[in-house]
C-alpha atoms as a PDB file:
ATOM      1  CA  MET A   1       0.000   0.000   0.000  1.00  0.00           C
ATOM      2  CA  MET A   2       1.531   3.288  -1.084  1.00  0.00           C
ATOM      3  CA  GLU A   3       1.787   6.182   1.331  1.00  0.00           C
ATOM      4  CA  ASN A   4      -0.326   8.455  -0.881  1.00  0.00           C
ATOM      5  CA  GLU A   5      -3.158   5.938  -1.242  1.00  0.00           C
ATOM      6  CA  ALA A   6      -6.289   6.517   0.763  1.00  0.00           C
ATOM      7  CA  THR A   7      -6.725   4.095   3.630  1.00  0.00           C
ATOM      8  CA  ASP A   8     -10.196   2.772   4.387  1.00  0.00           C
ATOM      9  CA  LEU A   9      -9.456   0.795   7.547  1.00  0.00           C
ATOM     10  CA  THR A  10      -6.914   0.915  10.365  1.00  0.00           C
ATOM     11  CA  ILE A  11      -6.623  -2.041  12.735  1.00  0.00           C
ATOM     12  CA  ILE A  12      -5.069  -1.043  16.058  1.00  0.00           C
ATOM     13  CA  VAL A  13      -3.444  -3.820  18.086  1.00  0.00           C
ATOM     14  CA  PRO A  14      -2.052  -2.962  21.564  1.00  0.00           C
ATOM     15  CA  VAL A  15       0.762  -5.358  22.414  1.00  0.00           C
ATOM     16  CA  LEU A  16       2.421  -6.241  25.709  1.00  0.00           C
ATOM     17  CA  ASN A  17       4.667  -9.314  25.556  1.00  0.00           C
ATOM     18  CA  GLU A  18       2.706 -11.232  22.919  1.00  0.00           C
ATOM     19  CA  VAL A  19       5.540 -12.367  20.631  1.00  0.00           C
ATOM     20  CA  GLU A  20       4.039 -15.858  20.215  1.00  0.00           C
ATOM     21  CA  ASN A  21       0.718 -14.473  18.995  1.00  0.00           C
ATOM     22  CA  LEU A  22       1.745 -11.753  16.550  1.00  0.00           C
ATOM     23  CA  ARG A  23       2.532 -13.755  13.428  1.00  0.00           C
ATOM     24  CA  PRO A  24      -0.561 -15.999  13.679  1.00  0.00           C
ATOM     25  CA  LEU A  25      -2.655 -12.890  14.313  1.00  0.00           C
ATOM     26  CA  VAL A  26      -1.274 -11.169  11.209  1.00  0.00           C
ATOM     27  CA  ASP A  27      -1.962 -14.280   9.127  1.00  0.00           C
ATOM     28  CA  GLU A  28      -5.565 -14.299  10.347  1.00  0.00           C
ATOM     29  CA  ILE A  29      -6.047 -10.577   9.674  1.00  0.00           C
ATOM     30  CA  ILE A  30      -4.713 -10.924   6.134  1.00  0.00           C
ATOM     31  CA  ALA A  31      -6.906 -13.977   5.510  1.00  0.00           C
ATOM     32  CA  ALA A  32      -9.961 -12.064   6.788  1.00  0.00           C
ATOM     33  CA  LEU A  33      -9.392  -8.842   4.828  1.00  0.00           C
ATOM     34  CA  ASP A  34      -7.506  -9.580   1.633  1.00  0.00           C
ATOM     35  CA  ASP A  35     -10.722 -10.482  -0.200  1.00  0.00           C
ATOM     36  CA  GLU A  36     -12.523  -7.415   1.145  1.00  0.00           C
ATOM     37  CA  PRO A  37     -12.740  -4.249  -1.026  1.00  0.00           C
ATOM     38  CA  LEU A  38     -10.802  -2.269   1.582  1.00  0.00           C
ATOM     39  CA  LYS A  39      -7.380  -0.683   1.686  1.00  0.00           C
ATOM     40  CA  TYR A  40      -6.223  -1.353   5.217  1.00  0.00           C
ATOM     41  CA  GLU A  41      -3.297  -1.000   7.574  1.00  0.00           C
ATOM     42  CA  VAL A  42      -2.415  -2.883  10.743  1.00  0.00           C
ATOM     43  CA  LEU A  43      -0.927  -0.653  13.430  1.00  0.00           C
ATOM     44  CA  PHE A  44       0.758  -2.408  16.351  1.00  0.00           C
ATOM     45  CA  ILE A  45       1.309  -0.399  19.546  1.00  0.00           C
ATOM     46  CA  ASP A  46       4.169  -1.904  21.546  1.00  0.00           C
ATOM     47  CA  ASP A  47       3.368  -0.964  25.137  1.00  0.00           C
ATOM     48  CA  GLY A  48       6.814  -1.644  26.609  1.00  0.00           C
ATOM     49  CA  SER A  49       7.214  -5.308  25.609  1.00  0.00           C
ATOM     50  CA  LYS A  50      10.365  -7.078  26.729  1.00  0.00           C
ATOM     51  CA  ASP A  51       9.976 -10.422  24.945  1.00  0.00           C
ATOM     52  CA  GLY A  52      11.071  -9.454  21.432  1.00  0.00           C
ATOM     53  CA  SER A  53       7.616  -8.394  20.226  1.00  0.00           C
ATOM     54  CA  PHE A  54       8.880  -5.198  18.606  1.00  0.00           C
ATOM     55  CA  GLU A  55      11.683  -7.010  16.771  1.00  0.00           C
ATOM     56  CA  LEU A  56       9.055  -9.334  15.299  1.00  0.00           C
ATOM     57  CA  MET A  57       6.957  -6.292  14.334  1.00  0.00           C
ATOM     58  CA  LYS A  58       9.932  -5.039  12.313  1.00  0.00           C
ATOM     59  CA  GLU A  59      10.151  -8.381  10.510  1.00  0.00           C
ATOM     60  CA  LEU A  60       6.430  -8.345   9.779  1.00  0.00           C
ATOM     61  CA  HIS A  61       6.718  -4.817   8.405  1.00  0.00           C
ATOM     62  CA  GLN A  62       9.375  -5.967   5.975  1.00  0.00           C
ATOM     63  CA  GLU A  63       7.112  -8.779   4.802  1.00  0.00           C
ATOM     64  CA  TYR A  64       3.878  -6.797   4.715  1.00  0.00           C
ATOM     65  CA  PRO A  65       4.142  -3.032   4.026  1.00  0.00           C
ATOM     66  CA  GLN A  66       0.589  -2.480   5.304  1.00  0.00           C
ATOM     67  CA  ILE A  67       1.856  -3.289   8.789  1.00  0.00           C
ATOM     68  CA  GLY A  68       3.149  -0.469  10.992  1.00  0.00           C
ATOM     69  CA  ALA A  69       4.222  -0.208  14.602  1.00  0.00           C
ATOM     70  CA  ILE A  70       4.655   2.355  17.342  1.00  0.00           C
ATOM     71  CA  ARG A  71       6.940   1.604  20.256  1.00  0.00           C
ATOM     72  CA  PHE A  72       6.504   3.269  23.642  1.00  0.00           C
ATOM     73  CA  ARG A  73       9.516   4.047  25.810  1.00  0.00           C
ATOM     74  CA  ARG A  74       7.925   2.064  28.650  1.00  0.00           C
ATOM     75  CA  ASN A  75       4.624   0.510  29.626  1.00  0.00           C
ATOM     76  CA  PHE A  76       1.933   3.230  29.631  1.00  0.00           C
ATOM     77  CA  GLY A  77      -1.146   0.993  29.644  1.00  0.00           C
ATOM     78  CA  GLN A  78      -3.846  -0.005  27.189  1.00  0.00           C
ATOM     79  CA  THR A  79      -5.584   3.373  27.272  1.00  0.00           C
ATOM     80  CA  ALA A  80      -2.418   5.131  26.090  1.00  0.00           C
ATOM     81  CA  ALA A  81      -1.977   2.446  23.420  1.00  0.00           C
ATOM     82  CA  PHE A  82      -5.477   3.107  22.077  1.00  0.00           C
ATOM     83  CA  ALA A  83      -4.856   6.861  22.186  1.00  0.00           C
ATOM     84  CA  ALA A  84      -1.618   6.495  20.206  1.00  0.00           C
ATOM     85  CA  GLY A  85      -3.338   4.289  17.663  1.00  0.00           C
ATOM     86  CA  PHE A  86      -6.137   6.833  17.226  1.00  0.00           C
ATOM     87  CA  ASP A  87      -3.592   9.635  16.781  1.00  0.00           C
ATOM     88  CA  TYR A  88      -1.562   7.845  14.096  1.00  0.00           C
ATOM     89  CA  ALA A  89      -4.326   5.951  12.279  1.00  0.00           C
ATOM     90  CA  LYS A  90      -4.824   6.765   8.584  1.00  0.00           C
ATOM     91  CA  GLY A  91      -8.079   4.893   8.036  1.00  0.00           C
ATOM     92  CA  GLN A  92     -11.573   6.347   7.957  1.00  0.00           C
ATOM     93  CA  ILE A  93     -12.742   3.335   9.962  1.00  0.00           C
ATOM     94  CA  ILE A  94     -10.729   2.209  12.978  1.00  0.00           C
ATOM     95  CA  VAL A  95     -10.971  -1.252  14.505  1.00  0.00           C
ATOM     96  CA  THR A  96      -9.309  -2.181  17.804  1.00  0.00           C
ATOM     97  CA  ILE A  97      -8.450  -5.791  18.590  1.00  0.00           C
ATOM     98  CA  ASP A  98      -6.478  -7.546  21.317  1.00  0.00           C
ATOM     99  CA  ALA A  99      -3.152  -9.180  20.475  1.00  0.00           C
ATOM    100  CA  ASP A 100      -3.861 -12.351  22.473  1.00  0.00           C
ATOM    101  CA  ARG A 101      -5.909 -13.840  19.575  1.00  0.00           C
ATOM    102  CA  GLN A 102      -8.991 -14.343  21.746  1.00  0.00           C
ATOM    103  CA  ASN A 103     -10.749 -11.884  19.424  1.00  0.00           C
ATOM    104  CA  ASP A 104     -11.322 -13.401  15.992  1.00  0.00           C
ATOM    105  CA  PRO A 105     -10.123 -11.239  13.042  1.00  0.00           C
ATOM    106  CA  ALA A 106     -12.784 -12.953  10.911  1.00  0.00           C
ATOM    107  CA  ASP A 107     -15.299 -10.747  12.758  1.00  0.00           C
ATOM    108  CA  ILE A 108     -13.728  -7.525  11.475  1.00  0.00           C
ATOM    109  CA  PRO A 109     -15.785  -7.527   8.221  1.00  0.00           C
ATOM    110  CA  VAL A 110     -18.903  -8.084  10.373  1.00  0.00           C
ATOM    111  CA  LEU A 111     -18.120  -4.949  12.370  1.00  0.00           C
ATOM    112  CA  VAL A 112     -17.419  -2.956   9.214  1.00  0.00           C
ATOM    113  CA  THR A 113     -20.686  -4.094   7.617  1.00  0.00           C
ATOM    114  CA  LYS A 114     -22.654  -3.000  10.677  1.00  0.00           C
ATOM    115  CA  PHE A 115     -20.676   0.258  10.820  1.00  0.00           C
ATOM    116  CA  ASN A 116     -21.644   1.037   7.220  1.00  0.00           C
ATOM    117  CA  GLU A 117     -25.315   0.943   8.216  1.00  0.00           C
ATOM    118  CA  GLY A 118     -24.786   4.402   9.700  1.00  0.00           C
ATOM    119  CA  PHE A 119     -23.283   3.831  13.128  1.00  0.00           C
ATOM    120  CA  ASP A 120     -20.331   5.682  14.659  1.00  0.00           C
ATOM    121  CA  VAL A 121     -19.267   2.926  17.069  1.00  0.00           C
ATOM    122  CA  VAL A 122     -19.885  -0.816  16.760  1.00  0.00           C
ATOM    123  CA  ASN A 123     -19.157  -2.862  19.886  1.00  0.00           C
ATOM    124  CA  GLY A 124     -18.335  -6.546  19.907  1.00  0.00           C
ATOM    125  CA  TRP A 125     -20.436  -8.816  22.142  1.00  0.00           C
ATOM    126  CA  ARG A 126     -18.710 -12.014  23.274  1.00  0.00           C
ATOM    127  CA  GLN A 127     -21.765 -14.209  23.723  1.00  0.00           C
ATOM    128  CA  ASN A 128     -19.748 -17.346  24.492  1.00  0.00           C
ATOM    129  CA  ARG A 129     -16.738 -16.112  26.469  1.00  0.00           C
ATOM    130  CA  GLN A 130     -13.819 -18.513  26.782  1.00  0.00           C
ATOM    131  CA  ASP A 131     -12.585 -17.164  30.132  1.00  0.00           C
ATOM    132  CA  GLY A 132     -12.533 -18.347  33.716  1.00  0.00           C
ATOM    133  CA  PHE A 133     -15.971 -18.320  35.337  1.00  0.00           C
ATOM    134  CA  LEU A 134     -15.166 -17.021  38.821  1.00  0.00           C
ATOM    135  CA  LEU A 135     -12.380 -14.520  38.128  1.00  0.00           C
ATOM    136  CA  ARG A 136     -13.492 -13.207  34.739  1.00  0.00           C
ATOM    137  CA  LYS A 137     -17.115 -13.941  33.863  1.00  0.00           C
ATOM    138  CA  VAL A 138     -18.758 -13.240  37.227  1.00  0.00           C
ATOM    139  CA  PRO A 139     -17.028  -9.852  37.844  1.00  0.00           C
ATOM    140  CA  SER A 140     -17.703  -8.881  34.232  1.00  0.00           C
ATOM    141  CA  TYR A 141     -21.406  -9.774  34.559  1.00  0.00           C
ATOM    142  CA  PHE A 142     -21.940  -7.590  37.604  1.00  0.00           C
ATOM    143  CA  ALA A 143     -19.728  -4.779  36.266  1.00  0.00           C
ATOM    144  CA  ASN A 144     -21.661  -4.599  32.983  1.00  0.00           C
ATOM    145  CA  ARG A 145     -24.988  -4.331  34.780  1.00  0.00           C
ATOM    146  CA  MET A 146     -23.769  -1.847  37.358  1.00  0.00           C
ATOM    147  CA  ILE A 147     -22.313   0.412  34.672  1.00  0.00           C
ATOM    148  CA  ALA A 148     -25.413   0.119  32.493  1.00  0.00           C
ATOM    149  CA  ARG A 149     -27.650   1.109  35.406  1.00  0.00           C
ATOM    150  CA  ALA A 150     -25.411   4.003  36.439  1.00  0.00           C
ATOM    151  CA  THR A 151     -24.776   5.463  32.983  1.00  0.00           C
ATOM    152  CA  GLY A 152     -27.872   4.474  31.028  1.00  0.00           C
ATOM    153  CA  VAL A 153     -25.751   2.938  28.228  1.00  0.00           C
ATOM    154  CA  LYS A 154     -27.277  -0.505  27.637  1.00  0.00           C
ATOM    155  CA  LEU A 155     -24.571  -2.871  26.402  1.00  0.00           C
ATOM    156  CA  HIS A 156     -24.064  -6.556  27.064  1.00  0.00           C
ATOM    157  CA  ASP A 157     -20.267  -6.515  26.936  1.00  0.00           C
ATOM    158  CA  ARG A 158     -18.067  -3.533  27.746  1.00  0.00           C
ATOM    159  CA  GLY A 159     -14.892  -5.552  28.134  1.00  0.00           C
ATOM    160  CA  CYS A 160     -14.589  -6.615  24.505  1.00  0.00           C
ATOM    161  CA  SER A 161     -11.750  -4.749  22.786  1.00  0.00           C
ATOM    162  CA  LEU A 162     -13.039  -5.685  19.327  1.00  0.00           C
ATOM    163  CA  ARG A 163     -14.763  -2.468  18.231  1.00  0.00           C
ATOM    164  CA  ALA A 164     -15.134  -0.331  15.130  1.00  0.00           C
ATOM    165  CA  TYR A 165     -15.045   3.477  15.262  1.00  0.00           C
ATOM    166  CA  SER A 166     -15.380   6.308  12.826  1.00  0.00           C
ATOM    167  CA  ILE A 167     -12.348   8.553  12.548  1.00  0.00           C
ATOM    168  CA  GLU A 168     -14.450  11.364  14.064  1.00  0.00           C
ATOM    169  CA  VAL A 169     -15.020   9.338  17.234  1.00  0.00           C
ATOM    170  CA  ALA A 170     -11.326   8.461  17.498  1.00  0.00           C
ATOM    171  CA  ARG A 171     -10.286  12.091  17.110  1.00  0.00           C
ATOM    172  CA  ASP A 172     -12.854  13.380  19.611  1.00  0.00           C
ATOM    173  CA  LEU A 173     -12.173  10.883  22.401  1.00  0.00           C
ATOM    174  CA  GLN A 174      -9.852  12.199  25.102  1.00  0.00           C
ATOM    175  CA  LEU A 175      -8.372   9.056  26.644  1.00  0.00           C
ATOM    176  CA  TYR A 176      -6.200   8.966  29.749  1.00  0.00           C
ATOM    177  CA  GLY A 177      -5.795   6.918  32.897  1.00  0.00           C
ATOM    178  CA  GLU A 178      -7.690   3.682  32.208  1.00  0.00           C
ATOM    179  CA  MET A 179     -10.640   5.202  30.395  1.00  0.00           C
ATOM    180  CA  HIS A 180     -10.496   2.712  27.497  1.00  0.00           C
ATOM    181  CA  ARG A 181     -12.935   0.592  29.520  1.00  0.00           C
ATOM    182  CA  PHE A 182     -15.553   3.325  29.192  1.00  0.00           C
ATOM    183  CA  ILE A 183     -15.233   4.196  25.513  1.00  0.00           C
ATOM    184  CA  PRO A 184     -18.946   3.373  24.925  1.00  0.00           C
ATOM    185  CA  GLU A 185     -19.952   5.748  27.745  1.00  0.00           C
ATOM    186  CA  LEU A 186     -17.647   8.492  26.470  1.00  0.00           C
ATOM    187  CA  SER A 187     -18.994   8.030  22.942  1.00  0.00           C
ATOM    188  CA  SER A 188     -22.590   8.112  24.170  1.00  0.00           C
ATOM    189  CA  THR A 189     -21.926  11.298  26.131  1.00  0.00           C
ATOM    190  CA  ALA A 190     -20.589  12.911  22.959  1.00  0.00           C
ATOM    191  CA  GLY A 191     -23.756  11.911  21.090  1.00  0.00           C
ATOM    192  CA  PHE A 192     -22.358   9.256  18.748  1.00  0.00           C
ATOM    193  CA  LYS A 193     -24.611   6.469  17.465  1.00  0.00           C
ATOM    194  CA  MET A 194     -23.702   2.971  18.689  1.00  0.00           C
ATOM    195  CA  ALA A 195     -24.554  -0.629  17.894  1.00  0.00           C
ATOM    196  CA  GLU A 196     -23.561  -4.042  19.239  1.00  0.00           C
ATOM    197  CA  VAL A 197     -22.970  -7.249  17.270  1.00  0.00           C
ATOM    198  CA  PRO A 198     -22.168 -10.794  18.457  1.00  0.00           C
ATOM    199  CA  VAL A 199     -18.559 -11.834  17.870  1.00  0.00           C
ATOM    200  CA  ASN A 200     -16.558 -14.993  18.327  1.00  0.00           C
ATOM    201  CA  HIS A 201     -14.364 -15.432  21.394  1.00  0.00           C
ATOM    202  CA  ARG A 202     -11.571 -17.979  21.653  1.00  0.00           C
ATOM    203  CA  PRO A 203      -9.464 -19.396  24.483  1.00  0.00           C
ATOM    204  CA  ARG A 204      -5.934 -18.068  24.834  1.00  0.00           C
ATOM    205  CA  THR A 205      -3.438 -20.503  23.286  1.00  0.00           C
ATOM    206  CA  ALA A 206      -0.161 -18.656  23.930  1.00  0.00           C
ATOM    207  CA  GLY A 207       1.202 -15.994  26.260  1.00  0.00           C
ATOM    208  CA  THR A 208      -0.191 -15.027  29.644  1.00  0.00           C
ATOM    209  CA  SER A 209      -3.206 -12.947  30.630  1.00  0.00           C
ATOM    210  CA  LYS A 210      -2.586  -9.385  31.864  1.00  0.00           C
ATOM    211  CA  TYR A 211      -5.860  -9.171  33.798  1.00  0.00           C
ATOM    212  CA  GLY A 212      -6.684  -9.992  37.414  1.00  0.00           C
ATOM    213  CA  ILE A 213      -9.472  -9.656  39.956  1.00  0.00           C
ATOM    214  CA  SER A 214      -8.013  -6.321  41.135  1.00  0.00           C
ATOM    215  CA  ARG A 215      -9.281  -4.760  37.914  1.00  0.00           C
ATOM    216  CA  THR A 216     -12.848  -4.974  39.284  1.00  0.00           C
ATOM    217  CA  PHE A 217     -12.080  -2.460  42.032  1.00  0.00           C
ATOM    218  CA  ARG A 218     -10.381  -0.104  39.586  1.00  0.00           C
ATOM    219  CA  VAL A 219     -13.449  -0.267  37.358  1.00  0.00           C
ATOM    220  CA  ILE A 220     -15.653   0.938  40.222  1.00  0.00           C
ATOM    221  CA  LEU A 221     -13.365   3.910  40.852  1.00  0.00           C
ATOM    222  CA  ASP A 222     -13.169   4.714  37.149  1.00  0.00           C
ATOM    223  CA  LEU A 223     -16.973   4.520  36.939  1.00  0.00           C
ATOM    224  CA  LEU A 224     -17.253   7.300  39.519  1.00  0.00           C
ATOM    225  CA  THR A 225     -14.880   9.364  37.387  1.00  0.00           C
ATOM    226  CA  ILE A 226     -16.938   8.720  34.259  1.00  0.00           C
ATOM    227  CA  LEU A 227     -20.169   9.689  36.012  1.00  0.00           C
ATOM    228  CA  PHE A 228     -18.588  12.928  37.184  1.00  0.00           C
ATOM    229  CA  LEU A 229     -17.109  13.714  33.765  1.00  0.00           C
ATOM    230  CA  SER A 230     -20.299  12.923  31.875  1.00  0.00           C
ATOM    231  CA  ARG A 231     -22.585  14.954  34.144  1.00  0.00           C
ATOM    232  CA  TYR A 232     -20.539  17.626  35.874  1.00  0.00           C
ATOM    233  CA  SER A 233     -17.214  18.077  34.064  1.00  0.00           C
ATOM    234  CA  ALA A 234     -18.306  21.451  32.662  1.00  0.00           C
ATOM    235  CA  ARG A 235     -20.330  22.492  35.733  1.00  0.00           C
ATOM    236  CA  PRO A 236     -18.698  21.038  38.877  1.00  0.00           C
ATOM    237  CA  MET A 237     -20.350  23.685  41.055  1.00  0.00           C
ATOM    238  CA  HIS A 238     -23.676  21.937  40.455  1.00  0.00           C
ATOM    239  CA  LEU A 239     -22.324  18.842  42.202  1.00  0.00           C
ATOM    240  CA  PHE A 240     -20.212  20.361  44.960  1.00  0.00           C
ATOM    241  CA  GLY A 241     -22.599  23.261  45.484  1.00  0.00           C
ATOM    242  CA  GLY A 242     -25.571  20.893  45.690  1.00  0.00           C
ATOM    243  CA  VAL A 243     -23.868  18.778  48.336  1.00  0.00           C
ATOM    244  CA  GLY A 244     -22.849  21.977  50.129  1.00  0.00           C
ATOM    245  CA  ILE A 245     -26.427  23.282  50.180  1.00  0.00           C
ATOM    246  CA  LEU A 246     -27.748  20.006  51.620  1.00  0.00           C
ATOM    247  CA  SER A 247     -25.036  19.954  54.267  1.00  0.00           C
ATOM    248  CA  VAL A 248     -25.659  23.556  55.341  1.00  0.00           C
ATOM    249  CA  VAL A 249     -29.442  23.083  55.360  1.00  0.00           C
ATOM    250  CA  PHE A 250     -29.292  19.972  57.555  1.00  0.00           C
ATOM    251  CA  GLY A 251     -26.765  21.684  59.827  1.00  0.00           C
ATOM    252  CA  LEU A 252     -28.968  24.741  60.249  1.00  0.00           C
ATOM    253  CA  LEU A 253     -32.049  22.606  60.831  1.00  0.00           C
ATOM    254  CA  ALA A 254     -30.256  20.654  63.562  1.00  0.00           C
ATOM    255  CA  GLY A 255     -29.116  23.903  65.172  1.00  0.00           C
ATOM    256  CA  LEU A 256     -32.605  25.403  64.889  1.00  0.00           C
ATOM    257  CA  TYR A 257     -34.071  22.311  66.555  1.00  0.00           C
ATOM    258  CA  LEU A 258     -31.767  22.757  69.546  1.00  0.00           C
ATOM    259  CA  VAL A 259     -32.647  26.454  69.806  1.00  0.00           C
ATOM    260  CA  LEU A 260     -36.384  25.700  69.671  1.00  0.00           C
ATOM    261  CA  ILE A 261     -36.316  23.081  72.421  1.00  0.00           C
ATOM    262  CA  LYS A 262     -34.411  25.506  74.657  1.00  0.00           C
ATOM    263  CA  VAL A 263     -36.833  28.345  73.925  1.00  0.00           C
ATOM    264  CA  TRP A 264     -39.823  26.043  74.448  1.00  0.00           C
ATOM    265  CA  ALA A 265     -38.432  24.997  77.833  1.00  0.00           C
ATOM    266  CA  GLY A 266     -38.168  28.698  78.738  1.00  0.00           C
ATOM    267  CA  ILE A 267     -41.763  29.310  77.695  1.00  0.00           C
ATOM    268  CA  GLN A 268     -43.021  26.463  79.839  1.00  0.00           C
ATOM    269  CA  GLY A 269     -40.791  26.906  82.893  1.00  0.00           C
ATOM    270  CA  GLY A 270     -39.578  30.470  82.770  1.00  0.00           C
ATOM    271  CA  MET A 271     -35.924  31.184  83.404  1.00  0.00           C
ATOM    272  CA  GLU A 272     -35.554  28.007  85.444  1.00  0.00           C
ATOM    273  CA  GLY A 273     -36.813  25.938  82.561  1.00  0.00           C
ATOM    274  CA  PHE A 274     -34.635  27.850  80.136  1.00  0.00           C
ATOM    275  CA  ARG A 275     -31.520  27.201  82.227  1.00  0.00           C
ATOM    276  CA  SER A 276     -32.422  23.564  82.817  1.00  0.00           C
ATOM    277  CA  VAL A 277     -32.084  22.625  79.138  1.00  0.00           C
ATOM    278  CA  GLN A 278     -28.404  22.351  78.199  1.00  0.00           C
ATOM    279  CA  ILE A 279     -27.594  22.108  74.500  1.00  0.00           C
ATOM    280  CA  GLY A 280     -23.885  22.930  74.590  1.00  0.00           C
ATOM    281  CA  ASP A 281     -22.856  19.372  75.433  1.00  0.00           C
ATOM    282  CA  ARG A 282     -25.192  17.599  73.028  1.00  0.00           C
ATOM    283  CA  PRO A 283     -23.680  15.638  70.092  1.00  0.00           C
ATOM    284  CA  LEU A 284     -26.366  17.117  67.850  1.00  0.00           C
ATOM    285  CA  LEU A 285     -24.868  20.580  68.315  1.00  0.00           C
ATOM    286  CA  MET A 286     -21.437  19.349  67.202  1.00  0.00           C
ATOM    287  CA  LEU A 287     -23.049  17.627  64.229  1.00  0.00           C
ATOM    288  CA  SER A 288     -24.841  20.850  63.311  1.00  0.00           C
ATOM    289  CA  VAL A 289     -21.625  22.874  63.376  1.00  0.00           C
ATOM    290  CA  LEU A 290     -19.782  20.160  61.443  1.00  0.00           C
ATOM    291  CA  LEU A 291     -22.419  20.048  58.693  1.00  0.00           C
ATOM    292  CA  VAL A 292     -22.305  23.826  58.240  1.00  0.00           C
ATOM    293  CA  ILE A 293     -18.503  23.795  58.032  1.00  0.00           C
ATOM    294  CA  LEU A 294     -18.553  20.910  55.558  1.00  0.00           C
ATOM    295  CA  GLY A 295     -21.134  22.740  53.476  1.00  0.00           C
ATOM    296  CA  VAL A 296     -18.906  25.806  53.244  1.00  0.00           C
ATOM    297  CA  GLN A 297     -15.970  23.594  52.280  1.00  0.00           C
ATOM    298  CA  PHE A 298     -17.997  21.995  49.491  1.00  0.00           C
ATOM    299  CA  PHE A 299     -18.842  25.448  48.176  1.00  0.00           C
ATOM    300  CA  VAL A 300     -15.146  26.349  48.142  1.00  0.00           C
ATOM    301  CA  MET A 301     -14.325  23.059  46.403  1.00  0.00           C
ATOM    302  CA  GLY A 302     -16.938  23.857  43.777  1.00  0.00           C
ATOM    303  CA  LEU A 303     -15.423  27.282  43.117  1.00  0.00           C
ATOM    304  CA  LEU A 304     -11.929  25.789  42.828  1.00  0.00           C
ATOM    305  CA  ALA A 305     -13.238  23.107  40.481  1.00  0.00           C
ATOM    306  CA  GLU A 306     -14.851  25.791  38.311  1.00  0.00           C
ATOM    307  CA  LEU A 307     -11.499  27.560  38.069  1.00  0.00           C
ATOM    308  CA  ILE A 308      -9.786  24.292  37.126  1.00  0.00           C
ATOM    309  CA  VAL A 309     -12.401  23.589  34.458  1.00  0.00           C
ATOM    310  CA  ARG A 310     -11.903  27.026  32.959  1.00  0.00           C
ATOM    311  CA  THR A 311      -8.144  26.460  32.908  1.00  0.00           C
ATOM    312  CA  TYR A 312      -8.642  23.022  31.319  1.00  0.00           C
ATOM    313  CA  TYR A 313     -10.806  24.301  28.495  1.00  0.00           C
ATOM    314  CA  GLU A 314      -8.474  27.185  27.771  1.00  0.00           C
ATOM    315  CA  SER A 315      -5.214  25.243  27.874  1.00  0.00           C
ATOM    316  CA  GLN A 316      -3.594  23.043  25.231  1.00  0.00           C
ATOM    317  CA  ASP A 317      -3.754  19.256  25.334  1.00  0.00           C
ATOM    318  CA  LYS A 318      -0.952  17.410  27.097  1.00  0.00           C
ATOM    319  CA  PRO A 319       0.395  14.080  25.756  1.00  0.00           C
ATOM    320  CA  ILE A 320      -0.229  10.923  27.785  1.00  0.00           C
ATOM    321  CA  TYR A 321       2.422   8.844  26.013  1.00  0.00           C
ATOM    322  CA  TYR A 322       5.914   9.276  24.542  1.00  0.00           C
ATOM    323  CA  VAL A 323       6.963   7.510  21.355  1.00  0.00           C
ATOM    324  CA  ARG A 324      10.468   6.045  20.965  1.00  0.00           C
ATOM    325  CA  GLU A 325      10.260   5.183  17.273  1.00  0.00           C
ATOM    326  CA  ILE A 326       7.706   4.638  14.506  1.00  0.00           C
ATOM    327  CA  ILE A 327       7.524   2.183  11.632  1.00  0.00           C
ATOM    328  CA  SER A 328       5.240   3.712   9.036  1.00  0.00           C
ATOM    329  CA  SER A 329       2.632   1.455   7.483  1.00  0.00           C
ATOM    330  CA  GLY A 330       3.691   2.622   4.006  1.00  0.00           C
ATOM    331  CA  LYS A 331       6.833   1.777   2.063  1.00  0.00           C
ATOM    332  CA  GLU A 332       8.482   4.962   3.195  1.00  0.00           C
ATOM    333  CA  ASN A 333       8.715   6.408   6.676  1.00  0.00           C
ATOM    334  CA  PRO A 334       7.871  10.141   6.470  1.00  0.00           C
ATOM    335  CA  LEU A 335       9.047  10.731  10.048  1.00  0.00           C
ATOM    336  CA  ASN A 336      12.650   9.621   9.410  1.00  0.00           C
END
């Protein structure tokens, strides 16, 4: 594929120590796409591999000029790998796929066909997952339902990396941290049209899994971030100010209650009754003062967050990855 030819499809493959899977994966991608009327490129993102994966990528590039690679200086994570792939992709359609060969490249034309029906994002749905039941399937089941309920984005499978995107979606997504897990939610927030199609899922035959049960807890924390970003990123005062108002109101009501019972005792018993009711040593008084103070603090946090948001929108983007070297997917490398 010549450098000046238009590219229809870019396949992004994040790689971390998958040297045994790369050549079979390339063979499967070529078998799946060579009969399709698409000009395509395969873009590997080497996320700090130490097993010779990048050296094999160089060999594959020499054999197949449609294959390119980007090598990170160290391991930055799958989100950064997706972001780099989106930044350097030449295709009008972008497909992401895992390097472990559990995703089936034969499903790529299925995603593209669905995409061409007018969707911006097409998500893969692994109906028959070939993963461990207790450590992978059960956490994924509950995570998918919790996220769907919290965000309103109804998908069966958020953990499937096999997805198709329009170039507009890829350019608009601002990925950092571990936000690749919530690409459907980010796309929905931006107003893009999504679909979901069943895809094949295969057991891992080589290499080792990079996932563990600890990911479940990180997903919960990231979900809170997504909810904040989708609802309050441009108006944080609505969140912090709302909590502040509730805190101050409950604090004042508790304080007013204590004042009223003391006044009522004075009405019934005169000065003796007034003096007999002590409110200074009641826990409710301390709670009242604490709620008012917390409410003021939430207001201040809201104002600071508003300032940060203004700074964010007015500042330039900062990179979340650093590239060591690039192998262009064409016959010539324009960056050398």
